[in-house]
Every structure is written in structure tokens, then in C-alpha cells.
N, C-alpha and C. Protein backbone atom coordinates (compact mmCIF):
# COMPACT_ATOMS: atom_id res chain seq x y z
N MET A 1 -56.49 -22.01 14.22
CA MET A 1 -55.53 -22.82 14.94
C MET A 1 -54.92 -23.88 14.04
N ALA A 2 -55.70 -24.40 13.11
CA ALA A 2 -55.18 -25.42 12.19
C ALA A 2 -54.06 -24.86 11.33
N LYS A 3 -54.17 -23.57 10.97
CA LYS A 3 -53.13 -22.96 10.15
C LYS A 3 -51.80 -22.92 10.89
N THR A 4 -51.82 -22.57 12.19
CA THR A 4 -50.62 -22.55 13.00
C THR A 4 -50.04 -23.95 13.12
N SER A 5 -50.90 -24.91 13.32
CA SER A 5 -50.47 -26.30 13.44
C SER A 5 -49.80 -26.76 12.15
N ASN A 6 -50.41 -26.43 11.01
CA ASN A 6 -49.84 -26.82 9.72
C ASN A 6 -48.50 -26.13 9.49
N LEU A 7 -48.37 -24.88 9.88
CA LEU A 7 -47.12 -24.15 9.73
C LEU A 7 -46.03 -24.81 10.57
N ARG A 8 -46.36 -25.16 11.80
CA ARG A 8 -45.38 -25.83 12.66
C ARG A 8 -44.97 -27.18 12.08
N GLU A 9 -45.94 -27.93 11.58
CA GLU A 9 -45.62 -29.22 10.96
C GLU A 9 -44.71 -29.03 9.76
N PHE A 10 -45.01 -28.02 8.94
CA PHE A 10 -44.18 -27.73 7.77
C PHE A 10 -42.75 -27.40 8.19
N GLN A 11 -42.62 -26.53 9.20
CA GLN A 11 -41.29 -26.14 9.66
C GLN A 11 -40.54 -27.32 10.26
N GLU A 12 -41.22 -28.16 11.01
CA GLU A 12 -40.57 -29.35 11.57
C GLU A 12 -40.13 -30.29 10.46
N THR A 13 -40.95 -30.44 9.43
CA THR A 13 -40.59 -31.28 8.29
C THR A 13 -39.35 -30.74 7.59
N ILE A 14 -39.32 -29.43 7.38
CA ILE A 14 -38.16 -28.79 6.74
C ILE A 14 -36.91 -29.00 7.59
N LEU A 15 -37.02 -28.79 8.90
CA LEU A 15 -35.85 -28.94 9.77
C LEU A 15 -35.36 -30.38 9.79
N ASN A 16 -36.29 -31.34 9.83
CA ASN A 16 -35.89 -32.75 9.80
C ASN A 16 -35.22 -33.09 8.47
N ARG A 17 -35.78 -32.58 7.40
CA ARG A 17 -35.19 -32.83 6.07
C ARG A 17 -33.81 -32.17 5.97
N LEU A 18 -33.68 -30.98 6.52
CA LEU A 18 -32.40 -30.29 6.55
C LEU A 18 -31.35 -31.14 7.25
N LYS A 19 -31.70 -31.70 8.40
CA LYS A 19 -30.76 -32.55 9.14
C LYS A 19 -30.40 -33.80 8.34
N GLU A 20 -31.41 -34.42 7.71
CA GLU A 20 -31.16 -35.63 6.92
C GLU A 20 -30.22 -35.34 5.76
N VAL A 21 -30.53 -34.30 5.00
CA VAL A 21 -29.72 -33.97 3.82
C VAL A 21 -28.31 -33.59 4.24
N SER A 22 -28.20 -32.80 5.30
CA SER A 22 -26.89 -32.37 5.78
C SER A 22 -26.06 -33.56 6.24
N ALA A 23 -26.69 -34.50 6.91
CA ALA A 23 -25.97 -35.67 7.42
C ALA A 23 -25.56 -36.63 6.32
N THR A 24 -26.39 -36.79 5.30
CA THR A 24 -26.11 -37.80 4.29
C THR A 24 -25.28 -37.29 3.12
N THR A 25 -25.45 -36.03 2.74
CA THR A 25 -24.77 -35.57 1.53
C THR A 25 -23.85 -34.39 1.73
N GLY A 26 -24.09 -33.57 2.73
CA GLY A 26 -23.22 -32.44 3.00
C GLY A 26 -23.17 -31.44 1.86
N ALA A 27 -22.00 -30.82 1.68
CA ALA A 27 -21.84 -29.74 0.71
C ALA A 27 -21.91 -30.21 -0.73
N ALA A 28 -21.67 -31.49 -0.98
CA ALA A 28 -21.68 -32.00 -2.35
C ALA A 28 -23.09 -32.01 -2.95
N SER A 29 -24.09 -31.95 -2.12
CA SER A 29 -25.47 -31.97 -2.57
C SER A 29 -25.83 -30.65 -3.24
N GLY A 30 -26.83 -30.71 -4.13
CA GLY A 30 -27.33 -29.49 -4.75
C GLY A 30 -28.37 -28.81 -3.89
N SER A 31 -28.72 -29.39 -2.75
CA SER A 31 -29.73 -28.81 -1.88
C SER A 31 -29.18 -27.63 -1.11
N ARG A 32 -29.97 -26.57 -1.05
CA ARG A 32 -29.62 -25.38 -0.29
C ARG A 32 -30.85 -24.96 0.52
N LEU A 33 -30.59 -24.32 1.65
CA LEU A 33 -31.66 -23.78 2.46
C LEU A 33 -32.10 -22.47 1.81
N ALA A 34 -33.38 -22.36 1.51
CA ALA A 34 -33.93 -21.16 0.87
C ALA A 34 -34.63 -20.31 1.93
N VAL A 35 -34.23 -19.03 1.99
CA VAL A 35 -34.80 -18.11 2.97
C VAL A 35 -35.11 -16.78 2.29
N MET A 36 -35.94 -16.00 2.95
CA MET A 36 -36.20 -14.63 2.53
C MET A 36 -35.55 -13.69 3.55
N VAL A 37 -34.87 -12.67 3.03
CA VAL A 37 -34.30 -11.61 3.84
C VAL A 37 -34.84 -10.32 3.24
N GLY A 38 -35.86 -9.76 3.88
CA GLY A 38 -36.60 -8.68 3.26
C GLY A 38 -37.28 -9.25 2.03
N SER A 39 -37.05 -8.63 0.88
CA SER A 39 -37.63 -9.16 -0.37
C SER A 39 -36.60 -9.96 -1.17
N GLN A 40 -35.42 -10.16 -0.60
CA GLN A 40 -34.33 -10.88 -1.27
C GLN A 40 -34.40 -12.38 -0.98
N ARG A 41 -34.31 -13.18 -2.03
CA ARG A 41 -34.26 -14.64 -1.87
C ARG A 41 -32.81 -15.07 -1.75
N LEU A 42 -32.51 -15.86 -0.72
CA LEU A 42 -31.14 -16.33 -0.51
C LEU A 42 -31.10 -17.85 -0.46
N LEU A 43 -29.99 -18.41 -0.94
CA LEU A 43 -29.70 -19.83 -0.83
C LEU A 43 -28.49 -19.97 0.07
N ILE A 44 -28.59 -20.84 1.07
CA ILE A 44 -27.52 -21.01 2.04
C ILE A 44 -27.12 -22.48 2.05
N ASP A 45 -25.82 -22.72 1.97
CA ASP A 45 -25.31 -24.08 2.02
C ASP A 45 -25.72 -24.72 3.35
N LEU A 46 -26.14 -25.96 3.29
CA LEU A 46 -26.63 -26.64 4.49
C LEU A 46 -25.55 -26.79 5.56
N VAL A 47 -24.30 -26.88 5.17
CA VAL A 47 -23.23 -27.02 6.16
C VAL A 47 -22.99 -25.73 6.95
N ASP A 48 -23.52 -24.61 6.48
CA ASP A 48 -23.32 -23.33 7.15
C ASP A 48 -24.35 -23.06 8.25
N VAL A 49 -25.38 -23.89 8.33
CA VAL A 49 -26.45 -23.68 9.30
C VAL A 49 -26.55 -24.88 10.23
N VAL A 50 -26.48 -24.61 11.53
CA VAL A 50 -26.60 -25.67 12.52
C VAL A 50 -28.07 -25.99 12.77
N GLU A 51 -28.87 -24.92 12.88
CA GLU A 51 -30.27 -25.10 13.23
C GLU A 51 -31.06 -23.86 12.84
N VAL A 52 -32.36 -24.04 12.63
CA VAL A 52 -33.28 -22.94 12.36
C VAL A 52 -34.32 -22.96 13.48
N LEU A 53 -34.50 -21.81 14.13
CA LEU A 53 -35.40 -21.74 15.28
C LEU A 53 -36.27 -20.48 15.22
N PRO A 54 -37.40 -20.50 15.96
CA PRO A 54 -38.13 -19.24 16.14
C PRO A 54 -37.21 -18.25 16.87
N VAL A 55 -37.47 -16.97 16.70
CA VAL A 55 -36.63 -15.95 17.34
C VAL A 55 -36.86 -15.99 18.85
N PRO A 56 -35.80 -16.23 19.63
CA PRO A 56 -35.94 -16.27 21.09
C PRO A 56 -35.92 -14.86 21.66
N PRO A 57 -36.20 -14.73 22.96
CA PRO A 57 -36.02 -13.41 23.59
C PRO A 57 -34.56 -12.98 23.46
N VAL A 58 -34.37 -11.71 23.11
CA VAL A 58 -33.02 -11.19 22.88
C VAL A 58 -32.75 -10.06 23.87
N LEU A 59 -31.59 -10.12 24.52
CA LEU A 59 -31.16 -9.07 25.44
C LEU A 59 -30.35 -8.06 24.65
N ALA A 60 -30.86 -6.84 24.57
CA ALA A 60 -30.19 -5.79 23.79
C ALA A 60 -28.85 -5.42 24.42
N VAL A 61 -27.91 -5.07 23.58
CA VAL A 61 -26.59 -4.63 24.02
C VAL A 61 -26.46 -3.15 23.64
N PRO A 62 -26.22 -2.28 24.62
CA PRO A 62 -26.14 -0.84 24.30
C PRO A 62 -24.91 -0.50 23.47
N HIS A 63 -25.01 0.62 22.77
CA HIS A 63 -23.90 1.19 21.99
C HIS A 63 -23.43 0.27 20.86
N THR A 64 -24.39 -0.38 20.22
CA THR A 64 -24.06 -1.23 19.07
C THR A 64 -24.86 -0.77 17.86
N GLN A 65 -24.50 -1.28 16.71
CA GLN A 65 -25.21 -0.96 15.47
C GLN A 65 -26.67 -1.43 15.57
N PRO A 66 -27.59 -0.76 14.88
CA PRO A 66 -29.00 -1.15 14.94
C PRO A 66 -29.24 -2.59 14.48
N TRP A 67 -28.42 -3.10 13.58
CA TRP A 67 -28.61 -4.46 13.08
C TRP A 67 -28.19 -5.53 14.09
N PHE A 68 -27.37 -5.14 15.08
CA PHE A 68 -26.97 -6.09 16.13
C PHE A 68 -28.04 -6.04 17.21
N LEU A 69 -28.89 -7.04 17.25
CA LEU A 69 -30.04 -7.02 18.15
C LEU A 69 -29.66 -7.31 19.59
N GLY A 70 -28.58 -8.08 19.80
CA GLY A 70 -28.15 -8.40 21.15
C GLY A 70 -27.73 -9.85 21.26
N VAL A 71 -27.92 -10.40 22.45
CA VAL A 71 -27.55 -11.80 22.69
C VAL A 71 -28.78 -12.58 23.15
N ALA A 72 -28.77 -13.86 22.86
CA ALA A 72 -29.87 -14.74 23.26
C ALA A 72 -29.30 -16.04 23.79
N ASN A 73 -29.99 -16.60 24.76
CA ASN A 73 -29.62 -17.88 25.32
C ASN A 73 -30.37 -18.97 24.55
N VAL A 74 -29.62 -19.81 23.86
CA VAL A 74 -30.22 -20.93 23.12
C VAL A 74 -29.67 -22.21 23.73
N ARG A 75 -30.50 -22.86 24.53
CA ARG A 75 -30.12 -24.10 25.20
C ARG A 75 -28.81 -23.98 25.99
N GLY A 76 -28.68 -22.88 26.72
CA GLY A 76 -27.51 -22.69 27.57
C GLY A 76 -26.31 -22.09 26.88
N ASN A 77 -26.41 -21.80 25.60
CA ASN A 77 -25.32 -21.17 24.85
C ASN A 77 -25.73 -19.77 24.43
N LEU A 78 -24.82 -18.80 24.60
CA LEU A 78 -25.10 -17.43 24.19
C LEU A 78 -24.75 -17.24 22.72
N TYR A 79 -25.69 -16.66 21.98
CA TYR A 79 -25.50 -16.37 20.56
C TYR A 79 -25.63 -14.88 20.34
N ASN A 80 -24.76 -14.33 19.50
CA ASN A 80 -24.90 -12.95 19.02
C ASN A 80 -25.99 -12.97 17.96
N ILE A 81 -27.01 -12.14 18.13
CA ILE A 81 -28.15 -12.13 17.21
C ILE A 81 -28.09 -10.87 16.35
N SER A 82 -28.03 -11.08 15.04
CA SER A 82 -27.96 -9.96 14.09
C SER A 82 -29.13 -10.03 13.12
N ASP A 83 -29.69 -8.88 12.81
CA ASP A 83 -30.78 -8.78 11.85
C ASP A 83 -30.17 -8.63 10.46
N LEU A 84 -30.29 -9.65 9.64
CA LEU A 84 -29.66 -9.65 8.33
C LEU A 84 -30.26 -8.59 7.41
N VAL A 85 -31.54 -8.30 7.57
CA VAL A 85 -32.19 -7.25 6.76
C VAL A 85 -31.50 -5.91 7.01
N GLN A 86 -31.37 -5.54 8.27
CA GLN A 86 -30.75 -4.26 8.61
C GLN A 86 -29.26 -4.24 8.26
N PHE A 87 -28.56 -5.35 8.49
CA PHE A 87 -27.14 -5.41 8.16
C PHE A 87 -26.92 -5.17 6.66
N ALA A 88 -27.81 -5.70 5.85
CA ALA A 88 -27.70 -5.56 4.39
C ALA A 88 -28.11 -4.17 3.91
N GLY A 89 -28.66 -3.35 4.80
CA GLY A 89 -29.08 -2.02 4.39
C GLY A 89 -30.41 -2.02 3.66
N LEU A 90 -31.17 -3.09 3.79
CA LEU A 90 -32.49 -3.17 3.17
C LEU A 90 -33.50 -2.44 4.05
N PRO A 91 -34.66 -2.06 3.48
CA PRO A 91 -35.68 -1.41 4.30
C PRO A 91 -36.08 -2.29 5.49
N PRO A 92 -36.19 -1.70 6.68
CA PRO A 92 -36.55 -2.48 7.87
C PRO A 92 -37.87 -3.22 7.68
N GLN A 93 -37.94 -4.39 8.27
CA GLN A 93 -39.14 -5.22 8.20
C GLN A 93 -39.73 -5.36 9.59
N PRO A 94 -41.06 -5.32 9.70
CA PRO A 94 -41.66 -5.55 11.02
C PRO A 94 -41.45 -7.01 11.44
N ARG A 95 -41.34 -7.23 12.73
CA ARG A 95 -41.20 -8.60 13.25
C ARG A 95 -42.53 -9.33 13.09
N THR A 96 -42.45 -10.57 12.63
CA THR A 96 -43.65 -11.39 12.47
C THR A 96 -43.38 -12.78 13.04
N ALA A 97 -44.42 -13.58 13.10
CA ALA A 97 -44.28 -14.96 13.57
C ALA A 97 -43.47 -15.80 12.59
N ASN A 98 -43.31 -15.34 11.35
CA ASN A 98 -42.53 -16.08 10.35
C ASN A 98 -41.03 -15.88 10.49
N ASN A 99 -40.60 -14.86 11.24
CA ASN A 99 -39.16 -14.63 11.42
C ASN A 99 -38.53 -15.84 12.09
N ARG A 100 -37.30 -16.13 11.69
CA ARG A 100 -36.54 -17.24 12.26
C ARG A 100 -35.11 -16.78 12.50
N ILE A 101 -34.40 -17.54 13.33
CA ILE A 101 -32.96 -17.33 13.45
C ILE A 101 -32.26 -18.55 12.86
N LEU A 102 -31.16 -18.27 12.19
CA LEU A 102 -30.29 -19.33 11.69
C LEU A 102 -29.08 -19.37 12.60
N LEU A 103 -28.88 -20.49 13.29
CA LEU A 103 -27.67 -20.66 14.08
C LEU A 103 -26.57 -21.06 13.12
N LEU A 104 -25.54 -20.24 13.04
CA LEU A 104 -24.50 -20.44 12.04
C LEU A 104 -23.43 -21.41 12.50
N ASN A 105 -22.95 -22.17 11.56
CA ASN A 105 -21.84 -23.08 11.78
C ASN A 105 -20.60 -22.41 11.20
N SER A 106 -19.77 -21.85 12.07
CA SER A 106 -18.58 -21.17 11.56
C SER A 106 -17.38 -21.54 12.41
N ASP A 107 -16.20 -21.30 11.86
CA ASP A 107 -14.96 -21.58 12.57
C ASP A 107 -14.59 -20.45 13.54
N GLU A 108 -15.35 -19.39 13.51
CA GLU A 108 -15.05 -18.24 14.37
C GLU A 108 -15.36 -18.60 15.82
N SER A 109 -14.73 -17.89 16.76
CA SER A 109 -14.86 -18.23 18.17
C SER A 109 -16.22 -17.83 18.77
N THR A 110 -16.89 -16.87 18.17
CA THR A 110 -18.19 -16.47 18.70
C THR A 110 -19.31 -17.23 18.00
N GLN A 111 -20.37 -17.44 18.72
CA GLN A 111 -21.53 -18.10 18.14
C GLN A 111 -22.48 -17.03 17.64
N SER A 112 -22.82 -17.11 16.37
CA SER A 112 -23.66 -16.09 15.74
C SER A 112 -24.94 -16.70 15.20
N ALA A 113 -25.97 -15.88 15.21
CA ALA A 113 -27.25 -16.26 14.63
C ALA A 113 -27.79 -15.06 13.85
N LEU A 114 -28.47 -15.36 12.76
CA LEU A 114 -29.03 -14.32 11.90
C LEU A 114 -30.55 -14.39 11.93
N VAL A 115 -31.18 -13.23 12.08
CA VAL A 115 -32.64 -13.16 11.96
C VAL A 115 -32.96 -13.02 10.48
N ILE A 116 -33.82 -13.91 9.99
CA ILE A 116 -34.28 -13.86 8.61
C ILE A 116 -35.77 -13.54 8.60
N THR A 117 -36.25 -13.08 7.47
CA THR A 117 -37.66 -12.73 7.35
C THR A 117 -38.54 -13.98 7.39
N SER A 118 -38.15 -15.00 6.61
CA SER A 118 -38.91 -16.25 6.64
C SER A 118 -38.09 -17.39 6.05
N LEU A 119 -38.46 -18.58 6.45
CA LEU A 119 -37.87 -19.81 5.95
C LEU A 119 -38.75 -20.32 4.82
N ILE A 120 -38.16 -20.62 3.68
CA ILE A 120 -38.94 -21.12 2.55
C ILE A 120 -38.86 -22.63 2.47
N GLY A 121 -37.66 -23.17 2.61
CA GLY A 121 -37.49 -24.62 2.54
C GLY A 121 -36.19 -24.97 1.86
N LEU A 122 -36.18 -26.09 1.16
CA LEU A 122 -34.99 -26.52 0.43
C LEU A 122 -35.19 -26.31 -1.06
N ARG A 123 -34.12 -25.89 -1.73
CA ARG A 123 -34.12 -25.75 -3.18
C ARG A 123 -32.90 -26.47 -3.73
N ASN A 124 -33.03 -27.04 -4.91
CA ASN A 124 -31.94 -27.75 -5.56
C ASN A 124 -31.33 -26.85 -6.62
N ILE A 125 -30.07 -26.48 -6.44
CA ILE A 125 -29.42 -25.57 -7.40
C ILE A 125 -29.14 -26.26 -8.73
N GLN A 126 -29.18 -27.58 -8.76
CA GLN A 126 -28.97 -28.30 -10.00
C GLN A 126 -30.14 -28.12 -10.97
N GLU A 127 -31.26 -27.61 -10.45
CA GLU A 127 -32.43 -27.36 -11.27
C GLU A 127 -32.54 -25.88 -11.66
N MET A 128 -31.47 -25.11 -11.39
CA MET A 128 -31.46 -23.67 -11.66
C MET A 128 -30.29 -23.31 -12.56
N GLU A 129 -30.34 -22.08 -13.08
CA GLU A 129 -29.27 -21.58 -13.95
C GLU A 129 -28.39 -20.60 -13.17
N LEU A 130 -27.07 -20.82 -13.20
CA LEU A 130 -26.12 -19.98 -12.49
C LEU A 130 -25.90 -18.66 -13.23
N LYS A 131 -25.89 -17.55 -12.48
CA LYS A 131 -25.67 -16.21 -13.03
C LYS A 131 -24.65 -15.49 -12.14
N ALA A 132 -24.27 -14.27 -12.51
CA ALA A 132 -23.39 -13.44 -11.68
C ALA A 132 -24.20 -12.29 -11.09
N VAL A 133 -23.84 -11.87 -9.88
CA VAL A 133 -24.58 -10.78 -9.23
C VAL A 133 -23.89 -9.45 -9.46
N SER A 134 -24.63 -8.37 -9.21
CA SER A 134 -24.06 -7.02 -9.33
C SER A 134 -23.12 -6.75 -8.16
N ASP A 135 -22.29 -5.73 -8.29
CA ASP A 135 -21.35 -5.37 -7.23
C ASP A 135 -22.07 -5.03 -5.92
N ALA A 136 -23.21 -4.36 -6.00
CA ALA A 136 -23.94 -3.97 -4.79
C ALA A 136 -24.42 -5.20 -4.03
N GLN A 137 -24.97 -6.18 -4.74
CA GLN A 137 -25.42 -7.40 -4.08
C GLN A 137 -24.24 -8.19 -3.54
N GLN A 138 -23.15 -8.17 -4.26
CA GLN A 138 -21.98 -8.96 -3.92
C GLN A 138 -21.39 -8.54 -2.57
N GLN A 139 -21.45 -7.28 -2.25
CA GLN A 139 -20.87 -6.80 -1.01
C GLN A 139 -21.51 -7.42 0.22
N VAL A 140 -22.78 -7.72 0.18
CA VAL A 140 -23.46 -8.23 1.35
C VAL A 140 -23.74 -9.73 1.26
N PHE A 141 -24.26 -10.19 0.16
CA PHE A 141 -24.77 -11.55 0.12
C PHE A 141 -23.86 -12.59 -0.51
N GLY A 142 -23.24 -12.32 -1.61
CA GLY A 142 -22.41 -13.35 -2.23
C GLY A 142 -22.00 -12.99 -3.64
N HIS A 143 -21.40 -13.96 -4.33
CA HIS A 143 -20.83 -13.72 -5.65
C HIS A 143 -21.68 -14.24 -6.81
N ASN A 144 -22.61 -15.09 -6.54
CA ASN A 144 -23.41 -15.69 -7.61
C ASN A 144 -24.88 -15.72 -7.25
N PHE A 145 -25.68 -15.89 -8.28
CA PHE A 145 -27.09 -16.17 -8.01
C PHE A 145 -27.57 -17.19 -9.02
N TYR A 146 -28.64 -17.82 -8.66
CA TYR A 146 -29.28 -18.80 -9.53
C TYR A 146 -30.65 -18.27 -9.90
N GLU A 147 -31.08 -18.64 -11.08
CA GLU A 147 -32.42 -18.29 -11.54
C GLU A 147 -33.20 -19.59 -11.68
N ASP A 148 -34.38 -19.63 -11.04
CA ASP A 148 -35.18 -20.85 -11.12
C ASP A 148 -36.10 -20.82 -12.34
N ALA A 149 -36.89 -21.84 -12.51
CA ALA A 149 -37.77 -21.97 -13.68
C ALA A 149 -38.80 -20.84 -13.76
N GLU A 150 -39.16 -20.27 -12.60
CA GLU A 150 -40.13 -19.16 -12.58
C GLU A 150 -39.44 -17.80 -12.73
N LYS A 151 -38.14 -17.80 -13.04
CA LYS A 151 -37.33 -16.58 -13.22
C LYS A 151 -37.08 -15.83 -11.91
N ASN A 152 -37.27 -16.51 -10.77
CA ASN A 152 -36.91 -15.92 -9.49
C ASN A 152 -35.40 -15.99 -9.34
N GLN A 153 -34.82 -14.92 -8.80
CA GLN A 153 -33.38 -14.89 -8.58
C GLN A 153 -33.06 -15.24 -7.13
N TRP A 154 -32.15 -16.18 -6.96
CA TRP A 154 -31.74 -16.67 -5.65
C TRP A 154 -30.25 -16.39 -5.47
N VAL A 155 -29.89 -15.47 -4.58
CA VAL A 155 -28.49 -15.15 -4.34
C VAL A 155 -27.88 -16.21 -3.43
N VAL A 156 -26.68 -16.66 -3.80
CA VAL A 156 -25.95 -17.63 -2.98
C VAL A 156 -25.28 -16.84 -1.85
N PHE A 157 -25.75 -17.07 -0.64
CA PHE A 157 -25.27 -16.32 0.52
C PHE A 157 -23.97 -16.92 1.03
N ASP A 158 -22.94 -16.09 1.16
CA ASP A 158 -21.62 -16.52 1.61
C ASP A 158 -21.49 -16.28 3.11
N VAL A 159 -21.84 -17.28 3.91
CA VAL A 159 -21.81 -17.16 5.37
C VAL A 159 -20.38 -16.90 5.86
N ASP A 160 -19.42 -17.61 5.29
CA ASP A 160 -18.04 -17.46 5.73
C ASP A 160 -17.54 -16.03 5.55
N ALA A 161 -17.85 -15.42 4.41
CA ALA A 161 -17.45 -14.03 4.17
C ALA A 161 -18.12 -13.09 5.17
N LEU A 162 -19.38 -13.35 5.50
CA LEU A 162 -20.09 -12.51 6.46
C LEU A 162 -19.42 -12.56 7.82
N VAL A 163 -19.21 -13.76 8.35
CA VAL A 163 -18.69 -13.87 9.72
C VAL A 163 -17.23 -13.41 9.83
N LYS A 164 -16.55 -13.26 8.71
CA LYS A 164 -15.17 -12.76 8.73
C LYS A 164 -15.07 -11.27 8.39
N SER A 165 -16.18 -10.66 8.00
CA SER A 165 -16.13 -9.24 7.62
C SER A 165 -15.97 -8.37 8.86
N PRO A 166 -15.11 -7.35 8.79
CA PRO A 166 -14.88 -6.47 9.94
C PRO A 166 -16.15 -5.81 10.46
N ALA A 167 -17.04 -5.42 9.56
CA ALA A 167 -18.29 -4.77 9.99
C ALA A 167 -19.14 -5.70 10.84
N PHE A 168 -19.15 -6.98 10.51
CA PHE A 168 -19.95 -7.95 11.25
C PHE A 168 -19.29 -8.32 12.57
N ILE A 169 -17.98 -8.41 12.57
CA ILE A 169 -17.23 -8.82 13.76
C ILE A 169 -17.32 -7.76 14.86
N GLN A 170 -17.31 -6.49 14.48
CA GLN A 170 -17.33 -5.38 15.44
C GLN A 170 -18.62 -4.58 15.29
N PRO A 171 -19.69 -4.98 15.97
CA PRO A 171 -20.97 -4.27 15.80
C PRO A 171 -21.11 -3.02 16.65
N ASN A 172 -20.01 -2.54 17.23
CA ASN A 172 -20.12 -1.34 18.06
C ASN A 172 -20.45 -0.12 17.21
N ALA A 173 -21.21 0.79 17.81
CA ALA A 173 -21.69 1.97 17.07
C ALA A 173 -20.61 2.99 16.84
């Protein structure tokens, strides 16, 4: 039970820190939200995420792509819930207690949320080396990646490109 309690405290600390950093520094900061999507490490600009939550109950929508999980009610607002692992064409991952949804902040008229494998925390890109990604990675996640001191590669996830892509906008099968 202590492990669950510590995990919740860690997640609450990360979420509070995310709100603080987002409110005080915005996009100019080197801080990015670090998440896992399958085995891929992603960095997401703090201004692109409204909130990080446990995965709520999702109502499936028939005749849609497998990656479109359905809709969920989050505090009275309906969100389209998409599994980023499946959308990216990565091997499917079993659902675990570590899965989270990212409520996206976008200019699009629909409210979207992405299921991620796990939340890692905040990373500072100013402490990493900028690189370029391959064409295959670029199609789904973004145009650049950073390499940290441990030689881990962190792809910069382009939320705006995702929510404007025709495949994401029309999840019908």
C-alpha cells in the first residue's frame, strides 16, 4: 500500500510542478513533460498539455480505428480518447495502472486526450543535445530529438501536427 501511496504523491508532485512551470515560464522554459509511449521516450511542451490524469472509463465508438478508444467524460466535458501507442503503429501495450491520459490544449474544436504508457516527469532540454530524427519517426512524433547524458533519445512530440493530421481528425474505420 505504501508503494501506491508514494506513486500517487509522486504524480501529484509532478502535476503541481507542471502547473507551476507552465504558469510561470510557459513555452520559453526548457522544461518539457517526459512520457513513455510504448518504448519510445517523448518530450511534450508544457503549453500543449492541460492536465494529466489516470485513464477514466471510456465509452467505445463503433466503426472507428483501433487506436480511437472512444469518448470519456472528464468533469462534465467529453474528450476523444486515442491510444498514442496504437496510432503510432507501435506494438500494442497491455493496460496498466501506470497509463495516463494527457488532456491536450489545442486550437481545434474537439477536445482530445491521448493515452500514454507512463508519465516520467519533467526534463530540461537545455541539459540535452539536439539531434534530427529519421523520416519514420518524424511522421508520427516530431522533427527533432534530444539525447540526454545517459544517451537516451527523447523525441520532441509535435502535438499541433498530430491534432491537425487528417488521420487523427477522422478516426473512422
